Amino acid sequence: MYVVMNELHVPPERKAVLTERFRQSAERMAEVPGCLEFLFLSNIEETGKQIVFTKWASKQDYENWLSSPAFANAHSGKPKQEKPAASANELFAYEVAHHFCKGD
C-alpha cells in the first residue's frame, strides 16, 4: 500500500470553497483504479491547513492516476479569474509498513 498526503495551506475565507471542491473529488475518486481510500481533513487546531489523504493499492496506481485524464480534469478546473483556494501545499508520500483496520 501507498499513502499520499497533500497538506494545503488555505486562507480562512477560502476554506468552504476548497471543502466543496474536494467533496466533489471524493465522489470521483471512488472510480479511480487502485484508489482504496480518500479523506479530506480539516485541522481543528491550525485552521489554515487542510489535508488530502489518499491510500492506494500501490505506488504505481498513484502514478497511473497522476498521468490520467481524470487527474488532468480534476486539476484543470477553475475559471482563470477565480482566486486559488489554497495558497501553498506540501506533498508527503509513504509506503505502508504496517496496517490495521477493523473493517479488513
PDB file of N, CA and C in Angstrom:
ATOM      1  N   MET A   1       0.840  -1.191   0.000  1.00  0.00           N
ATOM      2  CA  MET A   1       0.000   0.000   0.000  1.00  0.00           C
ATOM      3  C   MET A   1       0.878   1.246   0.000  1.00  0.00           C
ATOM      4  N   TYR A   2       0.284   2.306  -0.507  1.00  0.00           N
ATOM      5  CA  TYR A   2       0.987   3.581  -0.659  1.00  0.00           C
ATOM      6  C   TYR A   2       0.040   4.692  -0.224  1.00  0.00           C
ATOM      7  N   VAL A   3       0.543   5.626   0.583  1.00  0.00           N
ATOM      8  CA  VAL A   3      -0.279   6.725   1.099  1.00  0.00           C
ATOM      9  C   VAL A   3       0.338   8.051   0.663  1.00  0.00           C
ATOM     10  N   VAL A   4      -0.516   8.950   0.194  1.00  0.00           N
ATOM     11  CA  VAL A   4      -0.078  10.296  -0.172  1.00  0.00           C
ATOM     12  C   VAL A   4      -0.930  11.296   0.594  1.00  0.00           C
ATOM     13  N   MET A   5      -0.261  12.259   1.229  1.00  0.00           N
ATOM     14  CA  MET A   5      -0.963  13.325   1.941  1.00  0.00           C
ATOM     15  C   MET A   5      -0.525  14.658   1.356  1.00  0.00           C
ATOM     16  N   ASN A   6      -1.489  15.439   0.951  1.00  0.00           N
ATOM     17  CA  ASN A   6      -1.234  16.767   0.403  1.00  0.00           C
ATOM     18  C   ASN A   6      -1.726  17.778   1.430  1.00  0.00           C
ATOM     19  N   GLU A   7      -0.787  18.457   2.086  1.00  0.00           N
ATOM     20  CA  GLU A   7      -1.138  19.461   3.092  1.00  0.00           C
ATOM     21  C   GLU A   7      -1.337  20.797   2.386  1.00  0.00           C
ATOM     22  N   LEU A   8      -2.548  21.296   2.449  1.00  0.00           N
ATOM     23  CA  LEU A   8      -2.910  22.546   1.787  1.00  0.00           C
ATOM     24  C   LEU A   8      -2.945  23.679   2.797  1.00  0.00           C
ATOM     25  N   HIS A   9      -2.361  24.793   2.427  1.00  0.00           N
ATOM     26  CA  HIS A   9      -2.397  25.996   3.257  1.00  0.00           C
ATOM     27  C   HIS A   9      -3.511  26.868   2.686  1.00  0.00           C
ATOM     28  N   VAL A  10      -4.562  27.070   3.487  1.00  0.00           N
ATOM     29  CA  VAL A  10      -5.799  27.669   2.985  1.00  0.00           C
ATOM     30  C   VAL A  10      -6.174  28.896   3.808  1.00  0.00           C
ATOM     31  N   PRO A  11      -6.324  30.049   3.157  1.00  0.00           N
ATOM     32  CA  PRO A  11      -6.824  31.215   3.885  1.00  0.00           C
ATOM     33  C   PRO A  11      -8.232  30.922   4.418  1.00  0.00           C
ATOM     34  N   PRO A  12      -8.551  31.354   5.626  1.00  0.00           N
ATOM     35  CA  PRO A  12      -9.855  31.040   6.224  1.00  0.00           C
ATOM     36  C   PRO A  12     -11.047  31.362   5.323  1.00  0.00           C
ATOM     37  N   GLU A  13     -10.972  32.438   4.571  1.00  0.00           N
ATOM     38  CA  GLU A  13     -12.102  32.824   3.718  1.00  0.00           C
ATOM     39  C   GLU A  13     -12.267  31.904   2.502  1.00  0.00           C
ATOM     40  N   ARG A  14     -11.286  31.018   2.221  1.00  0.00           N
ATOM     41  CA  ARG A  14     -11.369  30.106   1.069  1.00  0.00           C
ATOM     42  C   ARG A  14     -11.659  28.667   1.491  1.00  0.00           C
ATOM     43  N   LYS A  15     -11.730  28.431   2.801  1.00  0.00           N
ATOM     44  CA  LYS A  15     -11.883  27.071   3.316  1.00  0.00           C
ATOM     45  C   LYS A  15     -13.164  26.393   2.815  1.00  0.00           C
ATOM     46  N   ALA A  16     -14.281  27.087   2.823  1.00  0.00           N
ATOM     47  CA  ALA A  16     -15.554  26.494   2.382  1.00  0.00           C
ATOM     48  C   ALA A  16     -15.512  26.142   0.900  1.00  0.00           C
ATOM     49  N   VAL A  17     -14.885  26.999   0.092  1.00  0.00           N
ATOM     50  CA  VAL A  17     -14.769  26.738  -1.348  1.00  0.00           C
ATOM     51  C   VAL A  17     -13.969  25.463  -1.585  1.00  0.00           C
ATOM     52  N   LEU A  18     -12.837  25.340  -0.908  1.00  0.00           N
ATOM     53  CA  LEU A  18     -11.987  24.171  -1.079  1.00  0.00           C
ATOM     54  C   LEU A  18     -12.672  22.906  -0.573  1.00  0.00           C
ATOM     55  N   THR A  19     -13.360  23.007   0.539  1.00  0.00           N
ATOM     56  CA  THR A  19     -14.081  21.853   1.084  1.00  0.00           C
ATOM     57  C   THR A  19     -15.106  21.339   0.082  1.00  0.00           C
ATOM     58  N   GLU A  20     -15.823  22.221  -0.574  1.00  0.00           N
ATOM     59  CA  GLU A  20     -16.809  21.816  -1.581  1.00  0.00           C
ATOM     60  C   GLU A  20     -16.128  21.176  -2.786  1.00  0.00           C
ATOM     61  N   ARG A  21     -15.030  21.730  -3.237  1.00  0.00           N
ATOM     62  CA  ARG A  21     -14.307  21.134  -4.376  1.00  0.00           C
ATOM     63  C   ARG A  21     -13.886  19.705  -4.065  1.00  0.00           C
ATOM     64  N   PHE A  22     -13.379  19.489  -2.853  1.00  0.00           N
ATOM     65  CA  PHE A  22     -12.924  18.155  -2.508  1.00  0.00           C
ATOM     66  C   PHE A  22     -14.077  17.211  -2.188  1.00  0.00           C
ATOM     67  N   ARG A  23     -15.235  17.708  -1.821  1.00  0.00           N
ATOM     68  CA  ARG A  23     -16.409  16.833  -1.694  1.00  0.00           C
ATOM     69  C   ARG A  23     -16.710  16.225  -3.055  1.00  0.00           C
ATOM     70  N   GLN A  24     -16.659  17.033  -4.087  1.00  0.00           N
ATOM     71  CA  GLN A  24     -16.888  16.544  -5.443  1.00  0.00           C
ATOM     72  C   GLN A  24     -15.779  15.578  -5.867  1.00  0.00           C
ATOM     73  N   SER A  25     -14.546  15.858  -5.481  1.00  0.00           N
ATOM     74  CA  SER A  25     -13.424  14.978  -5.813  1.00  0.00           C
ATOM     75  C   SER A  25     -13.585  13.608  -5.169  1.00  0.00           C
ATOM     76  N   ALA A  26     -14.059  13.580  -3.944  1.00  0.00           N
ATOM     77  CA  ALA A  26     -14.227  12.309  -3.234  1.00  0.00           C
ATOM     78  C   ALA A  26     -15.140  11.376  -4.011  1.00  0.00           C
ATOM     79  N   GLU A  27     -16.199  11.910  -4.570  1.00  0.00           N
ATOM     80  CA  GLU A  27     -17.129  11.093  -5.352  1.00  0.00           C
ATOM     81  C   GLU A  27     -16.439  10.519  -6.588  1.00  0.00           C
ATOM     82  N   ARG A  28     -15.597  11.312  -7.244  1.00  0.00           N
ATOM     83  CA  ARG A  28     -14.889  10.848  -8.445  1.00  0.00           C
ATOM     84  C   ARG A  28     -13.792   9.844  -8.105  1.00  0.00           C
ATOM     85  N   MET A  29     -13.144   9.991  -6.962  1.00  0.00           N
ATOM     86  CA  MET A  29     -12.042   9.104  -6.604  1.00  0.00           C
ATOM     87  C   MET A  29     -12.500   7.663  -6.407  1.00  0.00           C
ATOM     88  N   ALA A  30     -13.762   7.462  -6.112  1.00  0.00           N
ATOM     89  CA  ALA A  30     -14.291   6.105  -5.965  1.00  0.00           C
ATOM     90  C   ALA A  30     -14.139   5.301  -7.253  1.00  0.00           C
ATOM     91  N   GLU A  31     -14.032   5.988  -8.378  1.00  0.00           N
ATOM     92  CA  GLU A  31     -13.928   5.322  -9.678  1.00  0.00           C
ATOM     93  C   GLU A  31     -12.485   5.132 -10.151  1.00  0.00           C
ATOM     94  N   VAL A  32     -11.518   5.654  -9.432  1.00  0.00           N
ATOM     95  CA  VAL A  32     -10.121   5.599  -9.876  1.00  0.00           C
ATOM     96  C   VAL A  32      -9.520   4.240  -9.519  1.00  0.00           C
ATOM     97  N   PRO A  33      -9.006   3.505 -10.516  1.00  0.00           N
ATOM     98  CA  PRO A  33      -8.401   2.199 -10.233  1.00  0.00           C
ATOM     99  C   PRO A  33      -7.245   2.316  -9.240  1.00  0.00           C
ATOM    100  N   GLY A  34      -7.264   1.450  -8.241  1.00  0.00           N
ATOM    101  CA  GLY A  34      -6.190   1.413  -7.256  1.00  0.00           C
ATOM    102  C   GLY A  34      -6.351   2.347  -6.076  1.00  0.00           C
ATOM    103  N   CYS A  35      -7.297   3.285  -6.152  1.00  0.00           N
ATOM    104  CA  CYS A  35      -7.531   4.184  -5.022  1.00  0.00           C
ATOM    105  C   CYS A  35      -8.381   3.449  -3.991  1.00  0.00           C
ATOM    106  N   LEU A  36      -7.821   3.224  -2.825  1.00  0.00           N
ATOM    107  CA  LEU A  36      -8.506   2.468  -1.780  1.00  0.00           C
ATOM    108  C   LEU A  36      -9.276   3.357  -0.818  1.00  0.00           C
ATOM    109  N   GLU A  37      -8.777   4.579  -0.623  1.00  0.00           N
ATOM    110  CA  GLU A  37      -9.412   5.463   0.356  1.00  0.00           C
ATOM    111  C   GLU A  37      -9.076   6.912   0.028  1.00  0.00           C
ATOM    112  N   PHE A  38     -10.043   7.787   0.275  1.00  0.00           N
ATOM    113  CA  PHE A  38      -9.862   9.225   0.085  1.00  0.00           C
ATOM    114  C   PHE A  38     -10.462   9.920   1.295  1.00  0.00           C
ATOM    115  N   LEU A  39      -9.675  10.780   1.934  1.00  0.00           N
ATOM    116  CA  LEU A  39     -10.163  11.579   3.059  1.00  0.00           C
ATOM    117  C   LEU A  39      -9.763  13.028   2.832  1.00  0.00           C
ATOM    118  N   PHE A  40     -10.659  13.941   3.163  1.00  0.00           N
ATOM    119  CA  PHE A  40     -10.331  15.365   3.160  1.00  0.00           C
ATOM    120  C   PHE A  40     -10.452  15.826   4.596  1.00  0.00           C
ATOM    121  N   LEU A  41      -9.338  16.263   5.181  1.00  0.00           N
ATOM    122  CA  LEU A  41      -9.270  16.550   6.607  1.00  0.00           C
ATOM    123  C   LEU A  41      -9.102  18.036   6.862  1.00  0.00           C
ATOM    124  N   SER A  42      -9.845  18.545   7.830  1.00  0.00           N
ATOM    125  CA  SER A  42      -9.687  19.928   8.278  1.00  0.00           C
ATOM    126  C   SER A  42      -9.014  19.915   9.637  1.00  0.00           C
ATOM    127  N   ASN A  43      -7.915  20.609   9.759  1.00  0.00           N
ATOM    128  CA  ASN A  43      -7.168  20.674  11.003  1.00  0.00           C
ATOM    129  C   ASN A  43      -7.955  21.511  12.012  1.00  0.00           C
ATOM    130  N   ILE A  44      -8.249  20.945  13.174  1.00  0.00           N
ATOM    131  CA  ILE A  44      -9.060  21.675  14.161  1.00  0.00           C
ATOM    132  C   ILE A  44      -8.227  22.657  14.983  1.00  0.00           C
ATOM    133  N   GLU A  45      -6.901  22.506  14.968  1.00  0.00           N
ATOM    134  CA  GLU A  45      -6.048  23.423  15.723  1.00  0.00           C
ATOM    135  C   GLU A  45      -5.428  24.504  14.846  1.00  0.00           C
ATOM    136  N   GLU A  46      -5.050  24.151  13.636  1.00  0.00           N
ATOM    137  CA  GLU A  46      -4.488  25.127  12.696  1.00  0.00           C
ATOM    138  C   GLU A  46      -5.505  25.318  11.582  1.00  0.00           C
ATOM    139  N   THR A  47      -6.340  26.306  11.723  1.00  0.00           N
ATOM    140  CA  THR A  47      -7.465  26.464  10.801  1.00  0.00           C
ATOM    141  C   THR A  47      -7.043  26.751   9.370  1.00  0.00           C
ATOM    142  N   GLY A  48      -5.795  27.121   9.147  1.00  0.00           N
ATOM    143  CA  GLY A  48      -5.325  27.407   7.798  1.00  0.00           C
ATOM    144  C   GLY A  48      -4.783  26.198   7.061  1.00  0.00           C
ATOM    145  N   LYS A  49      -4.951  24.997   7.625  1.00  0.00           N
ATOM    146  CA  LYS A  49      -4.433  23.791   6.976  1.00  0.00           C
ATOM    147  C   LYS A  49      -5.544  22.773   6.766  1.00  0.00           C
ATOM    148  N   GLN A  50      -5.516  22.165   5.597  1.00  0.00           N
ATOM    149  CA  GLN A  50      -6.391  21.044   5.286  1.00  0.00           C
ATOM    150  C   GLN A  50      -5.537  19.989   4.596  1.00  0.00           C
ATOM    151  N   ILE A  51      -5.886  18.731   4.773  1.00  0.00           N
ATOM    152  CA  ILE A  51      -5.099  17.621   4.239  1.00  0.00           C
ATOM    153  C   ILE A  51      -5.961  16.788   3.301  1.00  0.00           C
ATOM    154  N   VAL A  52      -5.396  16.466   2.148  1.00  0.00           N
ATOM    155  CA  VAL A  52      -5.995  15.482   1.249  1.00  0.00           C
ATOM    156  C   VAL A  52      -5.208  14.195   1.471  1.00  0.00           C
ATOM    157  N   PHE A  53      -5.883  13.156   1.959  1.00  0.00           N
ATOM    158  CA  PHE A  53      -5.259  11.869   2.269  1.00  0.00           C
ATOM    159  C   PHE A  53      -5.782  10.847   1.271  1.00  0.00           C
ATOM    160  N   THR A  54      -4.872  10.201   0.541  1.00  0.00           N
ATOM    161  CA  THR A  54      -5.293   9.125  -0.358  1.00  0.00           C
ATOM    162  C   THR A  54      -4.475   7.880  -0.049  1.00  0.00           C
ATOM    163  N   LYS A  55      -5.146   6.734  -0.080  1.00  0.00           N
ATOM    164  CA  LYS A  55      -4.480   5.444   0.115  1.00  0.00           C
ATOM    165  C   LYS A  55      -4.649   4.642  -1.174  1.00  0.00           C
ATOM    166  N   TRP A  56      -3.549   4.078  -1.636  1.00  0.00           N
ATOM    167  CA  TRP A  56      -3.501   3.391  -2.924  1.00  0.00           C
ATOM    168  C   TRP A  56      -3.055   1.946  -2.749  1.00  0.00           C
ATOM    169  N   ALA A  57      -3.478   1.080  -3.648  1.00  0.00           N
ATOM    170  CA  ALA A  57      -3.032  -0.308  -3.625  1.00  0.00           C
ATOM    171  C   ALA A  57      -1.521  -0.390  -3.851  1.00  0.00           C
ATOM    172  N   SER A  58      -0.992   0.532  -4.673  1.00  0.00           N
ATOM    173  CA  SER A  58       0.446   0.548  -4.948  1.00  0.00           C
ATOM    174  C   SER A  58       0.885   1.945  -5.377  1.00  0.00           C
ATOM    175  N   LYS A  59       2.183   2.171  -5.323  1.00  0.00           N
ATOM    176  CA  LYS A  59       2.738   3.434  -5.820  1.00  0.00           C
ATOM    177  C   LYS A  59       2.430   3.580  -7.307  1.00  0.00           C
ATOM    178  N   GLN A  60       2.479   2.467  -8.042  1.00  0.00           N
ATOM    179  CA  GLN A  60       2.193   2.509  -9.478  1.00  0.00           C
ATOM    180  C   GLN A  60       0.765   2.978  -9.743  1.00  0.00           C
ATOM    181  N   ASP A  61      -0.195   2.544  -8.928  1.00  0.00           N
ATOM    182  CA  ASP A  61      -1.581   3.012  -9.094  1.00  0.00           C
ATOM    183  C   ASP A  61      -1.661   4.526  -8.924  1.00  0.00           C
ATOM    184  N   TYR A  62      -0.947   5.052  -7.930  1.00  0.00           N
ATOM    185  CA  TYR A  62      -0.924   6.505  -7.721  1.00  0.00           C
ATOM    186  C   TYR A  62      -0.310   7.209  -8.932  1.00  0.00           C
ATOM    187  N   GLU A  63       0.822   6.698  -9.408  1.00  0.00           N
ATOM    188  CA  GLU A  63       1.482   7.304 -10.563  1.00  0.00           C
ATOM    189  C   GLU A  63       0.616   7.224 -11.815  1.00  0.00           C
ATOM    190  N   ASN A  64      -0.110   6.113 -11.976  1.00  0.00           N
ATOM    191  CA  ASN A  64      -1.032   5.993 -13.113  1.00  0.00           C
ATOM    192  C   ASN A  64      -2.105   7.073 -13.045  1.00  0.00           C
ATOM    193  N   TRP A  65      -2.616   7.320 -11.842  1.00  0.00           N
ATOM    194  CA  TRP A  65      -3.633   8.364 -11.682  1.00  0.00           C
ATOM    195  C   TRP A  65      -3.064   9.738 -12.035  1.00  0.00           C
ATOM    196  N   LEU A  66      -1.814  10.009 -11.604  1.00  0.00           N
ATOM    197  CA  LEU A  66      -1.190  11.305 -11.898  1.00  0.00           C
ATOM    198  C   LEU A  66      -1.107  11.583 -13.398  1.00  0.00           C
ATOM    199  N   SER A  67      -0.951  10.531 -14.193  1.00  0.00           N
ATOM    200  CA  SER A  67      -0.820  10.714 -15.641  1.00  0.00           C
ATOM    201  C   SER A  67      -2.131  10.472 -16.387  1.00  0.00           C
ATOM    202  N   SER A  68      -3.225  10.344 -15.649  1.00  0.00           N
ATOM    203  CA  SER A  68      -4.516  10.030 -16.270  1.00  0.00           C
ATOM    204  C   SER A  68      -5.298  11.277 -16.668  1.00  0.00           C
ATOM    205  N   PRO A  69      -6.225  11.128 -17.622  1.00  0.00           N
ATOM    206  CA  PRO A  69      -7.137  12.229 -17.946  1.00  0.00           C
ATOM    207  C   PRO A  69      -7.972  12.657 -16.733  1.00  0.00           C
ATOM    208  N   ALA A  70      -8.310  11.720 -15.851  1.00  0.00           N
ATOM    209  CA  ALA A  70      -9.100  12.050 -14.654  1.00  0.00           C
ATOM    210  C   ALA A  70      -8.343  13.043 -13.771  1.00  0.00           C
ATOM    211  N   PHE A  71      -7.040  12.840 -13.598  1.00  0.00           N
ATOM    212  CA  PHE A  71      -6.232  13.771 -12.805  1.00  0.00           C
ATOM    213  C   PHE A  71      -6.168  15.133 -13.488  1.00  0.00           C
ATOM    214  N   ALA A  72      -5.923  15.131 -14.790  1.00  0.00           N
ATOM    215  CA  ALA A  72      -5.843  16.392 -15.542  1.00  0.00           C
ATOM    216  C   ALA A  72      -7.151  17.164 -15.436  1.00  0.00           C
ATOM    217  N   ASN A  73      -8.274  16.466 -15.565  1.00  0.00           N
ATOM    218  CA  ASN A  73      -9.585  17.123 -15.451  1.00  0.00           C
ATOM    219  C   ASN A  73      -9.812  17.685 -14.054  1.00  0.00           C
ATOM    220  N   ALA A  74      -9.425  16.930 -13.039  1.00  0.00           N
ATOM    221  CA  ALA A  74      -9.640  17.370 -11.656  1.00  0.00           C
ATOM    222  C   ALA A  74      -8.804  18.602 -11.312  1.00  0.00           C
ATOM    223  N   HIS A  75      -7.686  18.778 -11.988  1.00  0.00           N
ATOM    224  CA  HIS A  75      -6.781  19.874 -11.648  1.00  0.00           C
ATOM    225  C   HIS A  75      -6.762  21.008 -12.673  1.00  0.00           C
ATOM    226  N   SER A  76      -7.663  20.929 -13.649  1.00  0.00           N
ATOM    227  CA  SER A  76      -7.698  21.989 -14.658  1.00  0.00           C
ATOM    228  C   SER A  76      -8.724  23.052 -14.343  1.00  0.00           C
ATOM    229  N   GLY A  77      -9.697  22.662 -13.620  1.00  0.00           N
ATOM    230  CA  GLY A  77     -10.965  23.191 -13.308  1.00  0.00           C
ATOM    231  C   GLY A  77     -11.420  24.597 -13.150  1.00  0.00           C
ATOM    232  N   LYS A  78     -10.786  25.453 -12.419  1.00  0.00           N
ATOM    233  CA  LYS A  78     -11.414  26.727 -12.066  1.00  0.00           C
ATOM    234  C   LYS A  78     -11.250  27.772 -13.166  1.00  0.00           C
ATOM    235  N   PRO A  79     -12.203  28.666 -13.290  1.00  0.00           N
ATOM    236  CA  PRO A  79     -12.054  29.766 -14.244  1.00  0.00           C
ATOM    237  C   PRO A  79     -10.825  30.611 -13.908  1.00  0.00           C
ATOM    238  N   LYS A  80     -10.174  31.175 -14.927  1.00  0.00           N
ATOM    239  CA  LYS A  80      -8.928  31.928 -14.724  1.00  0.00           C
ATOM    240  C   LYS A  80      -9.080  33.097 -13.768  1.00  0.00           C
ATOM    241  N   GLN A  81     -10.229  33.745 -13.755  1.00  0.00           N
ATOM    242  CA  GLN A  81     -10.399  34.905 -12.881  1.00  0.00           C
ATOM    243  C   GLN A  81     -10.648  34.508 -11.427  1.00  0.00           C
ATOM    244  N   GLU A  82     -10.918  33.225 -11.170  1.00  0.00           N
ATOM    245  CA  GLU A  82     -11.179  32.781  -9.798  1.00  0.00           C
ATOM    246  C   GLU A  82      -9.864  32.629  -9.029  1.00  0.00           C
ATOM    247  N   LYS A  83      -9.851  33.137  -7.825  1.00  0.00           N
ATOM    248  CA  LYS A  83      -8.681  33.073  -6.950  1.00  0.00           C
ATOM    249  C   LYS A  83      -8.448  31.621  -6.510  1.00  0.00           C
ATOM    250  N   PRO A  84      -7.185  31.150  -6.474  1.00  0.00           N
ATOM    251  CA  PRO A  84      -6.922  29.795  -5.987  1.00  0.00           C
ATOM    252  C   PRO A  84      -7.397  29.644  -4.539  1.00  0.00           C
ATOM    253  N   ALA A  85      -7.928  28.475  -4.213  1.00  0.00           N
ATOM    254  CA  ALA A  85      -8.426  28.247  -2.856  1.00  0.00           C
ATOM    255  C   ALA A  85      -7.277  28.034  -1.871  1.00  0.00           C
ATOM    256  N   ALA A  86      -6.216  27.365  -2.301  1.00  0.00           N
ATOM    257  CA  ALA A  86      -5.064  27.131  -1.427  1.00  0.00           C
ATOM    258  C   ALA A  86      -3.927  28.055  -1.835  1.00  0.00           C
ATOM    259  N   SER A  87      -3.213  28.583  -0.850  1.00  0.00           N
ATOM    260  CA  SER A  87      -2.105  29.489  -1.145  1.00  0.00           C
ATOM    261  C   SER A  87      -0.792  28.737  -1.356  1.00  0.00           C
ATOM    262  N   ALA A  88      -0.698  27.521  -0.824  1.00  0.00           N
ATOM    263  CA  ALA A  88       0.506  26.697  -0.970  1.00  0.00           C
ATOM    264  C   ALA A  88       0.148  25.267  -0.578  1.00  0.00           C
ATOM    265  N   ASN A  89       1.049  24.342  -0.874  1.00  0.00           N
ATOM    266  CA  ASN A  89       0.834  22.970  -0.440  1.00  0.00           C
ATOM    267  C   ASN A  89       2.173  22.257  -0.274  1.00  0.00           C
ATOM    268  N   GLU A  90       2.144  21.173   0.504  1.00  0.00           N
ATOM    269  CA  GLU A  90       3.294  20.284   0.677  1.00  0.00           C
ATOM    270  C   GLU A  90       2.790  18.864   0.493  1.00  0.00           C
ATOM    271  N   LEU A  91       3.528  18.069  -0.277  1.00  0.00           N
ATOM    272  CA  LEU A  91       3.138  16.701  -0.576  1.00  0.00           C
ATOM    273  C   LEU A  91       4.027  15.736   0.198  1.00  0.00           C
ATOM    274  N   PHE A  92       3.411  14.736   0.842  1.00  0.00           N
ATOM    275  CA  PHE A  92       4.127  13.715   1.595  1.00  0.00           C
ATOM    276  C   PHE A  92       3.654  12.354   1.100  1.00  0.00           C
ATOM    277  N   ALA A  93       4.590  11.443   0.813  1.00  0.00           N
ATOM    278  CA  ALA A  93       4.233  10.113   0.320  1.00  0.00           C
ATOM    279  C   ALA A  93       4.926   9.054   1.174  1.00  0.00           C
ATOM    280  N   TYR A  94       4.210   7.949   1.418  1.00  0.00           N
ATOM    281  CA  TYR A  94       4.709   6.901   2.297  1.00  0.00           C
ATOM    282  C   TYR A  94       4.335   5.525   1.762  1.00  0.00           C
ATOM    283  N   GLU A  95       5.253   4.573   1.889  1.00  0.00           N
ATOM    284  CA  GLU A  95       4.916   3.165   1.730  1.00  0.00           C
ATOM    285  C   GLU A  95       4.362   2.718   3.080  1.00  0.00           C
ATOM    286  N   VAL A  96       3.312   1.932   3.076  1.00  0.00           N
ATOM    287  CA  VAL A  96       2.706   1.469   4.327  1.00  0.00           C
ATOM    288  C   VAL A  96       3.515   0.284   4.855  1.00  0.00           C
ATOM    289  N   ALA A  97       4.084   0.433   6.037  1.00  0.00           N
ATOM    290  CA  ALA A  97       4.885  -0.619   6.654  1.00  0.00           C
ATOM    291  C   ALA A  97       4.007  -1.587   7.447  1.00  0.00           C
ATOM    292  N   HIS A  98       2.994  -1.063   8.134  1.00  0.00           N
ATOM    293  CA  HIS A  98       2.060  -1.870   8.920  1.00  0.00           C
ATOM    294  C   HIS A  98       0.685  -1.246   8.777  1.00  0.00           C
ATOM    295  N   HIS A  99      -0.333  -2.078   8.848  1.00  0.00           N
ATOM    296  CA  HIS A  99      -1.691  -1.581   8.634  1.00  0.00           C
ATOM    297  C   HIS A  99      -2.671  -2.383   9.476  1.00  0.00           C
ATOM    298  N   PHE A 100      -3.613  -1.702  10.071  1.00  0.00           N
ATOM    299  CA  PHE A 100      -4.729  -2.345  10.767  1.00  0.00           C
ATOM    300  C   PHE A 100      -5.978  -1.547  10.466  1.00  0.00           C
ATOM    301  N   CYS A 101      -7.036  -2.243  10.194  1.00  0.00           N
ATOM    302  CA  CYS A 101      -8.340  -1.609  10.010  1.00  0.00           C
ATOM    303  C   CYS A 101      -9.393  -2.614  10.440  1.00  0.00           C
ATOM    304  N   LYS A 102     -10.294  -2.218  11.325  1.00  0.00           N
ATOM    305  CA  LYS A 102     -11.323  -3.135  11.821  1.00  0.00           C
ATOM    306  C   LYS A 102     -12.178  -3.716  10.706  1.00  0.00           C
ATOM    307  N   GLY A 103     -12.345  -2.948   9.619  1.00  0.00           N
ATOM    308  CA  GLY A 103     -13.165  -3.422   8.509  1.00  0.00           C
ATOM    309  C   GLY A 103     -12.481  -4.473   7.651  1.00  0.00           C
ATOM    310  N   ASP A 104     -11.166  -4.672   7.835  1.00  0.00           N
ATOM    311  CA  ASP A 104     -10.424  -5.636   6.999  1.00  0.00           C
ATOM    312  C   ASP A 104     -10.617  -7.051   7.483  1.00  0.00           C
TER     313      ASP A 104
END
